[in-house]
């Protein structure tokens, strides 16, 4: 199982999302996805996991909701880095 390393930006994004009205449901989904990623289990196709391009080239993304994304990296065989959490507009504009 990979060690989970959240970035400061992810921690800030997480706190922001948890204060919303869907925080509890989001926390359950996010915990499940992070657990699967840490154990190298393939995510369900509903999460639309894919590699990113451009400045995010070494990162991957999955959709927790239609417009709520988790950006992460697996820099080595031991680590899962949680990079950002937010909408397309918050993360890519």
C-alpha atoms as a PDB file:
ATOM      1  CA  UNK A   1       0.000   0.000   0.000  1.00  0.00           C
ATOM      2  CA  UNK A   2       1.320   3.433  -0.917  1.00  0.00           C
ATOM      3  CA  UNK A   3       1.966   6.151   1.653  1.00  0.00           C
ATOM      4  CA  UNK A   4      -0.513   9.019   1.194  1.00  0.00           C
ATOM      5  CA  UNK A   5       1.029  12.502   1.069  1.00  0.00           C
ATOM      6  CA  UNK A   6      -1.419  15.426   0.728  1.00  0.00           C
ATOM      7  CA  UNK A   7      -0.021  18.758  -0.462  1.00  0.00           C
ATOM      8  CA  UNK A   8      -0.884  22.006   1.341  1.00  0.00           C
ATOM      9  CA  UNK A   9      -3.028  23.006  -1.638  1.00  0.00           C
ATOM     10  CA  UNK A  10      -4.972  19.734  -1.374  1.00  0.00           C
ATOM     11  CA  UNK A  11      -5.493  20.221   2.369  1.00  0.00           C
ATOM     12  CA  UNK A  12      -6.856  23.720   1.764  1.00  0.00           C
ATOM     13  CA  UNK A  13      -9.108  22.447  -1.059  1.00  0.00           C
ATOM     14  CA  UNK A  14     -10.331  19.595   1.165  1.00  0.00           C
ATOM     15  CA  UNK A  15     -11.288  21.942   4.024  1.00  0.00           C
ATOM     16  CA  UNK A  16     -13.165  24.182   1.572  1.00  0.00           C
ATOM     17  CA  UNK A  17     -15.117  21.269   0.084  1.00  0.00           C
ATOM     18  CA  UNK A  18     -15.960  19.767   3.498  1.00  0.00           C
ATOM     19  CA  UNK A  19     -17.684  22.974   4.614  1.00  0.00           C
ATOM     20  CA  UNK A  20     -20.182  22.580   1.763  1.00  0.00           C
ATOM     21  CA  UNK A  21     -23.575  20.944   2.122  1.00  0.00           C
ATOM     22  CA  UNK A  22     -22.378  17.658   0.556  1.00  0.00           C
ATOM     23  CA  UNK A  23     -19.271  17.331   2.707  1.00  0.00           C
ATOM     24  CA  UNK A  24     -20.182  14.028   4.393  1.00  0.00           C
ATOM     25  CA  UNK A  25     -21.066  12.249   1.157  1.00  0.00           C
ATOM     26  CA  UNK A  26     -17.957  13.654  -0.514  1.00  0.00           C
ATOM     27  CA  UNK A  27     -15.752  12.457   2.341  1.00  0.00           C
ATOM     28  CA  UNK A  28     -17.027   8.886   1.938  1.00  0.00           C
ATOM     29  CA  UNK A  29     -16.438   8.901  -1.830  1.00  0.00           C
ATOM     30  CA  UNK A  30     -13.031  10.549  -1.513  1.00  0.00           C
ATOM     31  CA  UNK A  31     -11.909   8.108   1.201  1.00  0.00           C
ATOM     32  CA  UNK A  32     -12.920   5.158  -0.960  1.00  0.00           C
ATOM     33  CA  UNK A  33     -11.122   6.519  -4.048  1.00  0.00           C
ATOM     34  CA  UNK A  34      -7.944   7.345  -2.111  1.00  0.00           C
ATOM     35  CA  UNK A  35      -7.942   3.863  -0.564  1.00  0.00           C
ATOM     36  CA  UNK A  36      -8.258   2.241  -4.003  1.00  0.00           C
ATOM     37  CA  UNK A  37      -5.494   4.426  -5.455  1.00  0.00           C
ATOM     38  CA  UNK A  38      -3.194   3.678  -2.511  1.00  0.00           C
ATOM     39  CA  UNK A  39      -3.758  -0.058  -2.981  1.00  0.00           C
ATOM     40  CA  UNK A  40      -3.249   0.176  -6.799  1.00  0.00           C
ATOM     41  CA  UNK A  41      -6.805  -0.995  -7.462  1.00  0.00           C
ATOM     42  CA  UNK A  42      -8.376   0.183 -10.730  1.00  0.00           C
ATOM     43  CA  UNK A  43     -11.121   2.749 -10.251  1.00  0.00           C
ATOM     44  CA  UNK A  44     -14.616   2.242 -11.610  1.00  0.00           C
ATOM     45  CA  UNK A  45     -15.126   3.798 -15.077  1.00  0.00           C
ATOM     46  CA  UNK A  46     -17.610   6.235 -13.507  1.00  0.00           C
ATOM     47  CA  UNK A  47     -14.649   8.150 -12.029  1.00  0.00           C
ATOM     48  CA  UNK A  48     -13.227   8.845 -15.535  1.00  0.00           C
ATOM     49  CA  UNK A  49      -9.624   8.466 -14.413  1.00  0.00           C
ATOM     50  CA  UNK A  50      -7.067   9.721 -16.934  1.00  0.00           C
ATOM     51  CA  UNK A  51      -3.618  11.258 -17.373  1.00  0.00           C
ATOM     52  CA  UNK A  52      -3.286  15.020 -17.724  1.00  0.00           C
ATOM     53  CA  UNK A  53      -1.311  16.995 -20.315  1.00  0.00           C
ATOM     54  CA  UNK A  54       0.640  20.234 -20.479  1.00  0.00           C
ATOM     55  CA  UNK A  55       1.881  21.635 -17.179  1.00  0.00           C
ATOM     56  CA  UNK A  56       0.066  18.799 -15.392  1.00  0.00           C
ATOM     57  CA  UNK A  57       1.778  16.127 -17.549  1.00  0.00           C
ATOM     58  CA  UNK A  58       2.991  13.904 -14.679  1.00  0.00           C
ATOM     59  CA  UNK A  59      -0.370  13.977 -12.902  1.00  0.00           C
ATOM     60  CA  UNK A  60      -3.598  12.008 -13.128  1.00  0.00           C
ATOM     61  CA  UNK A  61      -7.171  13.070 -12.477  1.00  0.00           C
ATOM     62  CA  UNK A  62     -10.422  11.402 -11.527  1.00  0.00           C
ATOM     63  CA  UNK A  63     -13.934  12.819 -11.293  1.00  0.00           C
ATOM     64  CA  UNK A  64     -15.541  12.386  -7.874  1.00  0.00           C
ATOM     65  CA  UNK A  65     -18.606  14.236  -9.194  1.00  0.00           C
ATOM     66  CA  UNK A  66     -19.246  15.674 -12.671  1.00  0.00           C
ATOM     67  CA  UNK A  67     -17.418  18.901 -11.759  1.00  0.00           C
ATOM     68  CA  UNK A  68     -15.333  17.876  -8.762  1.00  0.00           C
ATOM     69  CA  UNK A  69     -11.880  16.565  -9.595  1.00  0.00           C
ATOM     70  CA  UNK A  70      -9.087  14.932  -7.648  1.00  0.00           C
ATOM     71  CA  UNK A  71      -5.616  15.538  -9.095  1.00  0.00           C
ATOM     72  CA  UNK A  72      -2.935  13.177  -7.843  1.00  0.00           C
ATOM     73  CA  UNK A  73       0.487  11.726  -8.657  1.00  0.00           C
ATOM     74  CA  UNK A  74       2.195   8.411  -8.096  1.00  0.00           C
ATOM     75  CA  UNK A  75       5.815   9.619  -8.167  1.00  0.00           C
ATOM     76  CA  UNK A  76       7.201   6.201  -7.209  1.00  0.00           C
ATOM     77  CA  UNK A  77       5.999   2.752  -6.143  1.00  0.00           C
ATOM     78  CA  UNK A  78       5.710   3.833  -2.511  1.00  0.00           C
ATOM     79  CA  UNK A  79       3.825   7.167  -2.625  1.00  0.00           C
ATOM     80  CA  UNK A  80       0.443   8.613  -3.587  1.00  0.00           C
ATOM     81  CA  UNK A  81       0.556  12.423  -3.622  1.00  0.00           C
ATOM     82  CA  UNK A  82      -2.821  14.186  -3.393  1.00  0.00           C
ATOM     83  CA  UNK A  83      -2.260  17.441  -5.282  1.00  0.00           C
ATOM     84  CA  UNK A  84      -5.567  19.324  -5.694  1.00  0.00           C
ATOM     85  CA  UNK A  85      -9.330  18.947  -5.227  1.00  0.00           C
ATOM     86  CA  UNK A  86     -11.863  21.220  -6.924  1.00  0.00           C
ATOM     87  CA  UNK A  87     -13.880  22.099 -10.014  1.00  0.00           C
ATOM     88  CA  UNK A  88     -12.485  22.507 -13.531  1.00  0.00           C
ATOM     89  CA  UNK A  89     -12.744  26.292 -13.172  1.00  0.00           C
ATOM     90  CA  UNK A  90     -10.891  26.326  -9.840  1.00  0.00           C
ATOM     91  CA  UNK A  91      -8.084  24.067 -11.003  1.00  0.00           C
ATOM     92  CA  UNK A  92      -7.487  24.918 -14.654  1.00  0.00           C
ATOM     93  CA  UNK A  93      -8.345  28.608 -15.154  1.00  0.00           C
END
